[in-house]
Amino acid sequence: MLANRDGKLIGWGRNDFGQLGDGGRENKLKPRVNTSVTEAIIRLETGSQHAVAVSRLGNILSWGGNRKGQLGNGTFTSDTVPRIIESLQHRPVVGLACGESHTLVITVTGNVYAWGNNRYTFFARHFNCYSSDLFFGIQLRTTWVRRP
């Protein structure tokens, strides 16, 4: 999947969890423009079965597989179309990353939010969060070190 210069999503390949965000679950052999997204996408990251994007309007959207809460929408239910992550509205995102089944974002103020698979207590080891799988974004405690 990719976002072109106009902010349109173009997807192809495996889609059994709805990770192409086109409203279906059929695999696509050829690249196709995704018409289910109405906002221009400026940043896109993908995990194994999910995707997260930032729109030109500043919204964070997620879609695809959600067995571990990696969509950050407050459920463990997969979604075949991109939907806004309501809990992160009005928090401008400057960084975004997806792992196999977890997601991290960093806001313009330096706050880090994470959700999804917390197997091996990844969030605990790196961000002092001792919780099971997270289906909503939580703000993680971080320490920033200024280099001389």
Protein backbone atom coordinates (compact mmCIF):
# COMPACT_ATOMS: atom_id res chain seq x y z
CA MET A 1 0.00 0.00 0.00
CA LEU A 2 1.12 3.54 -0.63
CA ALA A 3 -0.12 7.12 -0.56
CA ASN A 4 0.56 9.06 -3.74
CA ARG A 5 1.42 12.78 -3.99
CA ASP A 6 -2.27 13.68 -4.14
CA GLY A 7 -2.88 11.87 -0.83
CA LYS A 8 -4.80 8.98 -2.36
CA LEU A 9 -4.28 5.48 -1.01
CA ILE A 10 -3.33 2.84 -3.54
CA GLY A 11 -3.38 -0.77 -2.43
CA TRP A 12 -2.81 -4.29 -3.66
CA GLY A 13 -1.90 -7.64 -2.22
CA ARG A 14 -3.22 -9.55 0.75
CA ASN A 15 -6.46 -8.24 2.27
CA ASP A 16 -7.90 -10.99 4.46
CA PHE A 17 -8.19 -8.65 7.47
CA GLY A 18 -9.28 -5.60 5.46
CA GLN A 19 -5.78 -4.15 5.66
CA LEU A 20 -6.14 -2.48 2.25
CA GLY A 21 -8.97 -0.38 3.69
CA ASP A 22 -11.20 -0.71 0.63
CA GLY A 23 -14.26 -2.07 2.46
CA GLY A 24 -13.67 -5.70 1.48
CA ARG A 25 -11.50 -8.66 2.29
CA GLU A 26 -10.61 -9.84 -1.19
CA ASN A 27 -6.94 -9.94 -2.18
CA LYS A 28 -5.99 -7.53 -4.98
CA LEU A 29 -3.55 -8.57 -7.69
CA LYS A 30 -3.25 -5.10 -9.25
CA PRO A 31 -2.87 -1.68 -7.60
CA ARG A 32 -6.18 0.13 -7.10
CA VAL A 33 -7.07 3.55 -5.76
CA ASN A 34 -8.95 3.34 -2.48
CA THR A 35 -12.18 5.31 -2.78
CA SER A 36 -13.27 4.78 0.84
CA VAL A 37 -10.85 7.48 2.09
CA THR A 38 -12.17 11.01 1.70
CA GLU A 39 -9.23 12.82 3.32
CA ALA A 40 -5.82 13.25 1.67
CA ILE A 41 -3.20 11.06 3.36
CA ILE A 42 0.22 12.58 4.13
CA ARG A 43 1.77 9.76 6.18
CA LEU A 44 1.14 6.00 6.08
CA GLU A 45 2.49 3.10 8.12
CA THR A 46 1.54 -0.56 7.94
CA GLY A 47 1.80 -3.49 10.29
CA SER A 48 1.32 -7.14 9.49
CA GLN A 49 -2.47 -6.91 9.26
CA HIS A 50 -3.28 -3.25 9.87
CA ALA A 51 -2.51 0.26 8.67
CA VAL A 52 -2.48 3.71 10.27
CA ALA A 53 -2.37 7.04 8.47
CA VAL A 54 -2.31 10.77 9.14
CA SER A 55 -4.54 12.91 6.93
CA ARG A 56 -3.80 16.40 5.67
CA LEU A 57 -6.52 17.59 8.09
CA GLY A 58 -4.50 16.12 10.98
CA ASN A 59 -6.75 13.14 11.67
CA ILE A 60 -5.27 9.76 12.52
CA LEU A 61 -7.03 6.90 10.75
CA SER A 62 -6.67 3.15 11.24
CA TRP A 63 -8.02 0.00 9.59
CA GLY A 64 -7.40 -3.72 9.14
CA GLY A 65 -6.86 -6.51 11.65
CA ASN A 66 -7.41 -5.64 15.30
CA ARG A 67 -7.05 -8.87 17.29
CA LYS A 68 -4.50 -7.21 19.61
CA GLY A 69 -6.08 -3.74 19.66
CA GLN A 70 -3.62 -2.34 17.11
CA LEU A 71 -6.24 -0.02 15.59
CA GLY A 72 -6.52 2.04 18.80
CA ASN A 73 -10.28 2.41 18.39
CA GLY A 74 -11.34 1.04 21.79
CA THR A 75 -12.25 -2.43 20.50
CA PHE A 76 -10.67 -5.67 19.34
CA THR A 77 -12.87 -5.70 16.20
CA SER A 78 -11.24 -5.49 12.76
CA ASP A 79 -12.34 -2.77 10.36
CA THR A 80 -12.20 -2.86 6.56
CA VAL A 81 -12.36 0.92 6.03
CA PRO A 82 -10.22 3.72 7.48
CA ARG A 83 -11.78 5.37 10.54
CA ILE A 84 -10.62 8.31 12.64
CA ILE A 85 -9.10 7.47 16.02
CA GLU A 86 -11.31 9.79 18.06
CA SER A 87 -9.17 9.74 21.23
CA LEU A 88 -6.28 11.37 19.36
CA GLN A 89 -8.18 14.16 17.65
CA HIS A 90 -6.70 17.62 18.28
CA ARG A 91 -3.27 16.09 18.99
CA PRO A 92 -1.07 16.89 15.98
CA VAL A 93 1.07 13.87 15.15
CA VAL A 94 4.63 14.25 13.86
CA GLY A 95 5.71 10.61 14.01
CA LEU A 96 3.98 7.31 13.39
CA ALA A 97 5.14 3.68 13.45
CA CYS A 98 3.50 0.27 13.23
CA GLY A 99 4.91 -3.01 14.41
CA GLU A 100 3.47 -6.38 13.56
CA SER A 101 0.46 -5.77 15.81
CA HIS A 102 1.08 -2.53 17.70
CA THR A 103 1.18 1.17 16.90
CA LEU A 104 3.08 4.16 18.29
CA VAL A 105 2.61 7.86 17.56
CA ILE A 106 4.43 10.95 18.78
CA THR A 107 2.72 14.32 18.92
CA VAL A 108 4.12 17.77 18.22
CA THR A 109 4.35 18.29 22.00
CA GLY A 110 6.56 15.19 22.37
CA ASN A 111 3.94 12.92 23.92
CA VAL A 112 4.12 9.27 22.86
CA TYR A 113 0.94 7.18 22.56
CA ALA A 114 0.89 3.42 22.06
CA TRP A 115 -1.65 0.66 21.60
CA GLY A 116 -1.86 -2.95 20.49
CA ASN A 117 0.17 -6.04 21.34
CA ASN A 118 2.06 -5.76 24.60
CA ARG A 119 3.53 -9.26 24.45
CA TYR A 120 6.85 -9.52 26.23
CA THR A 121 5.84 -6.25 27.96
CA PHE A 122 7.40 -4.19 25.15
CA PHE A 123 5.72 -1.02 26.39
CA ALA A 124 6.88 -1.76 29.94
CA ARG A 125 10.52 -2.24 29.02
CA HIS A 126 10.63 0.85 26.84
CA PHE A 127 7.98 3.15 28.29
CA ASN A 128 7.12 1.97 31.85
CA CYS A 129 3.64 0.65 30.94
CA TYR A 130 2.74 -2.70 32.52
CA SER A 131 -0.54 -3.67 30.88
CA SER A 132 -1.87 -6.44 28.67
CA ASP A 133 -2.81 -5.75 25.07
CA LEU A 134 -4.08 -2.19 24.70
CA PHE A 135 -7.05 -1.38 22.49
CA PHE A 136 -6.88 2.37 23.04
CA GLY A 137 -4.03 4.83 22.92
CA ILE A 138 -2.32 5.52 26.22
CA GLN A 139 0.19 8.26 26.87
CA LEU A 140 3.51 6.71 27.82
CA ARG A 141 5.99 8.19 30.22
CA THR A 142 9.09 9.24 28.35
CA THR A 143 12.36 10.88 29.21
CA TRP A 144 13.96 13.09 26.61
CA VAL A 145 17.71 13.56 26.69
CA ARG A 146 19.07 16.72 25.14
CA ARG A 147 22.38 16.15 23.44
CA PRO A 148 25.09 18.79 23.86
